[in-house]
Amino acid sequence: MAKKVNHVILCVHLTDRIKEAVKVQKAFTRYGGFIKTRLGLHETPPGGSEVGSKNGLIVLEMVGPETKATDLAALLNKISGVEVQSLTFTHGK
């Protein structure tokens, strides 16, 4: 019988990437051992401005105890202008 395993994805929405970047990065570093994949998405305005959009979305694939994903989400949600939502997929029985 296969062991039940949860696959947790955190979606981190930032409303002001430049302002929130340092605090968000510190949280990511603190939980870095539990982040398997990190994908950052933001709009680039026409003309290729270096600054880009104020809004951003970061998708994290988490590994390890599910409590680490929950703890990271709670820490990030305390940062003004940051919202975290999670997806959990269960594998096995």
C-alpha atoms as a PDB file:
ATOM      1  CA  MET A   1       0.000   0.000   0.000  1.00  0.00           C
ATOM      2  CA  ALA A   2       1.373   3.406  -1.011  1.00  0.00           C
ATOM      3  CA  LYS A   3       1.968   5.945   1.722  1.00  0.00           C
ATOM      4  CA  LYS A   4      -0.256   9.044   1.591  1.00  0.00           C
ATOM      5  CA  VAL A   5       1.838  12.047   0.534  1.00  0.00           C
ATOM      6  CA  ASN A   6       0.655  15.628   0.209  1.00  0.00           C
ATOM      7  CA  HIS A   7       2.091  17.808  -2.522  1.00  0.00           C
ATOM      8  CA  VAL A   8       1.806  21.454  -1.436  1.00  0.00           C
ATOM      9  CA  ILE A   9       1.979  24.448  -3.779  1.00  0.00           C
ATOM     10  CA  LEU A  10       2.022  27.985  -2.357  1.00  0.00           C
ATOM     11  CA  CYS A  11       0.986  30.906  -4.569  1.00  0.00           C
ATOM     12  CA  VAL A  12       2.355  34.193  -3.250  1.00  0.00           C
ATOM     13  CA  HIS A  13       0.794  37.393  -4.632  1.00  0.00           C
ATOM     14  CA  LEU A  14       2.661  40.658  -4.107  1.00  0.00           C
ATOM     15  CA  THR A  15       0.961  43.998  -4.710  1.00  0.00           C
ATOM     16  CA  ASP A  16       4.216  46.001  -4.626  1.00  0.00           C
ATOM     17  CA  ARG A  17       7.133  43.763  -5.584  1.00  0.00           C
ATOM     18  CA  ILE A  18       9.834  46.355  -5.018  1.00  0.00           C
ATOM     19  CA  LYS A  19       8.598  47.370  -1.539  1.00  0.00           C
ATOM     20  CA  GLU A  20       7.979  43.806  -0.305  1.00  0.00           C
ATOM     21  CA  ALA A  21      10.918  42.018  -1.916  1.00  0.00           C
ATOM     22  CA  VAL A  22      13.351  42.110   1.011  1.00  0.00           C
ATOM     23  CA  LYS A  23      10.893  40.772   3.615  1.00  0.00           C
ATOM     24  CA  VAL A  24       9.604  38.104   1.231  1.00  0.00           C
ATOM     25  CA  GLN A  25      13.137  36.998   0.339  1.00  0.00           C
ATOM     26  CA  LYS A  26      14.056  36.727   4.037  1.00  0.00           C
ATOM     27  CA  ALA A  27      11.067  34.418   4.575  1.00  0.00           C
ATOM     28  CA  PHE A  28      12.055  32.335   1.530  1.00  0.00           C
ATOM     29  CA  THR A  29      15.612  32.050   2.847  1.00  0.00           C
ATOM     30  CA  ARG A  30      14.369  30.955   6.286  1.00  0.00           C
ATOM     31  CA  TYR A  31      12.352  28.121   4.690  1.00  0.00           C
ATOM     32  CA  GLY A  32      14.693  27.567   1.734  1.00  0.00           C
ATOM     33  CA  GLY A  33      15.372  23.943   2.633  1.00  0.00           C
ATOM     34  CA  PHE A  34      11.687  23.171   2.091  1.00  0.00           C
ATOM     35  CA  ILE A  35      11.272  24.989  -1.250  1.00  0.00           C
ATOM     36  CA  LYS A  36      11.839  22.563  -4.122  1.00  0.00           C
ATOM     37  CA  THR A  37      10.790  24.840  -6.992  1.00  0.00           C
ATOM     38  CA  ARG A  38      10.316  28.613  -7.222  1.00  0.00           C
ATOM     39  CA  LEU A  39       8.744  30.354 -10.208  1.00  0.00           C
ATOM     40  CA  GLY A  40       8.351  34.128 -10.335  1.00  0.00           C
ATOM     41  CA  LEU A  41       5.857  35.775 -12.679  1.00  0.00           C
ATOM     42  CA  HIS A  42       5.304  39.475 -13.334  1.00  0.00           C
ATOM     43  CA  GLU A  43       4.240  41.588 -16.252  1.00  0.00           C
ATOM     44  CA  THR A  44       6.814  43.502 -18.218  1.00  0.00           C
ATOM     45  CA  PRO A  45       5.455  46.762 -19.597  1.00  0.00           C
ATOM     46  CA  PRO A  46       5.791  47.514 -23.308  1.00  0.00           C
ATOM     47  CA  GLY A  47       9.232  48.786 -24.188  1.00  0.00           C
ATOM     48  CA  GLY A  48      11.010  46.389 -21.810  1.00  0.00           C
ATOM     49  CA  SER A  49      11.225  48.653 -18.743  1.00  0.00           C
ATOM     50  CA  GLU A  50      13.678  47.245 -16.186  1.00  0.00           C
ATOM     51  CA  VAL A  51      11.278  47.890 -13.310  1.00  0.00           C
ATOM     52  CA  GLY A  52       8.294  45.944 -14.651  1.00  0.00           C
ATOM     53  CA  SER A  53       4.902  45.678 -13.016  1.00  0.00           C
ATOM     54  CA  LYS A  54       4.351  46.458  -9.328  1.00  0.00           C
ATOM     55  CA  ASN A  55       2.374  43.225  -8.956  1.00  0.00           C
ATOM     56  CA  GLY A  56       3.988  39.825  -8.934  1.00  0.00           C
ATOM     57  CA  LEU A  57       3.163  36.181  -8.401  1.00  0.00           C
ATOM     58  CA  ILE A  58       5.561  33.589  -7.033  1.00  0.00           C
ATOM     59  CA  VAL A  59       4.707  29.893  -7.164  1.00  0.00           C
ATOM     60  CA  LEU A  60       6.495  27.618  -4.682  1.00  0.00           C
ATOM     61  CA  GLU A  61       6.580  23.818  -4.707  1.00  0.00           C
ATOM     62  CA  MET A  62       7.166  22.741  -1.121  1.00  0.00           C
ATOM     63  CA  VAL A  63       8.793  19.564   0.237  1.00  0.00           C
ATOM     64  CA  GLY A  64       9.136  18.134   3.723  1.00  0.00           C
ATOM     65  CA  PRO A  65       6.629  18.355   6.561  1.00  0.00           C
ATOM     66  CA  GLU A  66       3.402  20.071   5.529  1.00  0.00           C
ATOM     67  CA  THR A  67       3.661  22.229   8.650  1.00  0.00           C
ATOM     68  CA  LYS A  68       6.656  24.016   7.087  1.00  0.00           C
ATOM     69  CA  ALA A  69       4.479  25.150   4.159  1.00  0.00           C
ATOM     70  CA  THR A  70       1.786  26.267   6.604  1.00  0.00           C
ATOM     71  CA  ASP A  71       4.336  28.165   8.708  1.00  0.00           C
ATOM     72  CA  LEU A  72       5.834  29.885   5.654  1.00  0.00           C
ATOM     73  CA  ALA A  73       2.376  30.884   4.404  1.00  0.00           C
ATOM     74  CA  ALA A  74       1.502  32.367   7.815  1.00  0.00           C
ATOM     75  CA  LEU A  75       4.776  34.319   7.924  1.00  0.00           C
ATOM     76  CA  LEU A  76       4.271  35.693   4.416  1.00  0.00           C
ATOM     77  CA  ASN A  77       0.636  36.619   5.098  1.00  0.00           C
ATOM     78  CA  LYS A  78       1.859  38.887   7.931  1.00  0.00           C
ATOM     79  CA  ILE A  79       3.706  41.057   5.393  1.00  0.00           C
ATOM     80  CA  SER A  80       1.605  44.002   4.246  1.00  0.00           C
ATOM     81  CA  GLY A  81       0.752  43.701   0.545  1.00  0.00           C
ATOM     82  CA  VAL A  82       1.356  39.941   0.404  1.00  0.00           C
ATOM     83  CA  GLU A  83      -1.363  37.294   0.061  1.00  0.00           C
ATOM     84  CA  VAL A  84      -0.733  33.550   0.054  1.00  0.00           C
ATOM     85  CA  GLN A  85      -3.031  30.802  -1.121  1.00  0.00           C
ATOM     86  CA  SER A  86      -2.191  27.120  -1.134  1.00  0.00           C
ATOM     87  CA  LEU A  87      -3.053  24.077  -3.180  1.00  0.00           C
ATOM     88  CA  THR A  88      -2.673  20.600  -1.748  1.00  0.00           C
ATOM     89  CA  PHE A  89      -2.702  17.463  -3.863  1.00  0.00           C
ATOM     90  CA  THR A  90      -2.768  14.077  -2.149  1.00  0.00           C
ATOM     91  CA  HIS A  91      -0.926  11.118  -3.655  1.00  0.00           C
ATOM     92  CA  GLY A  92      -1.354   7.548  -2.493  1.00  0.00           C
ATOM     93  CA  LYS A  93      -3.940   6.166  -0.107  1.00  0.00           C
END
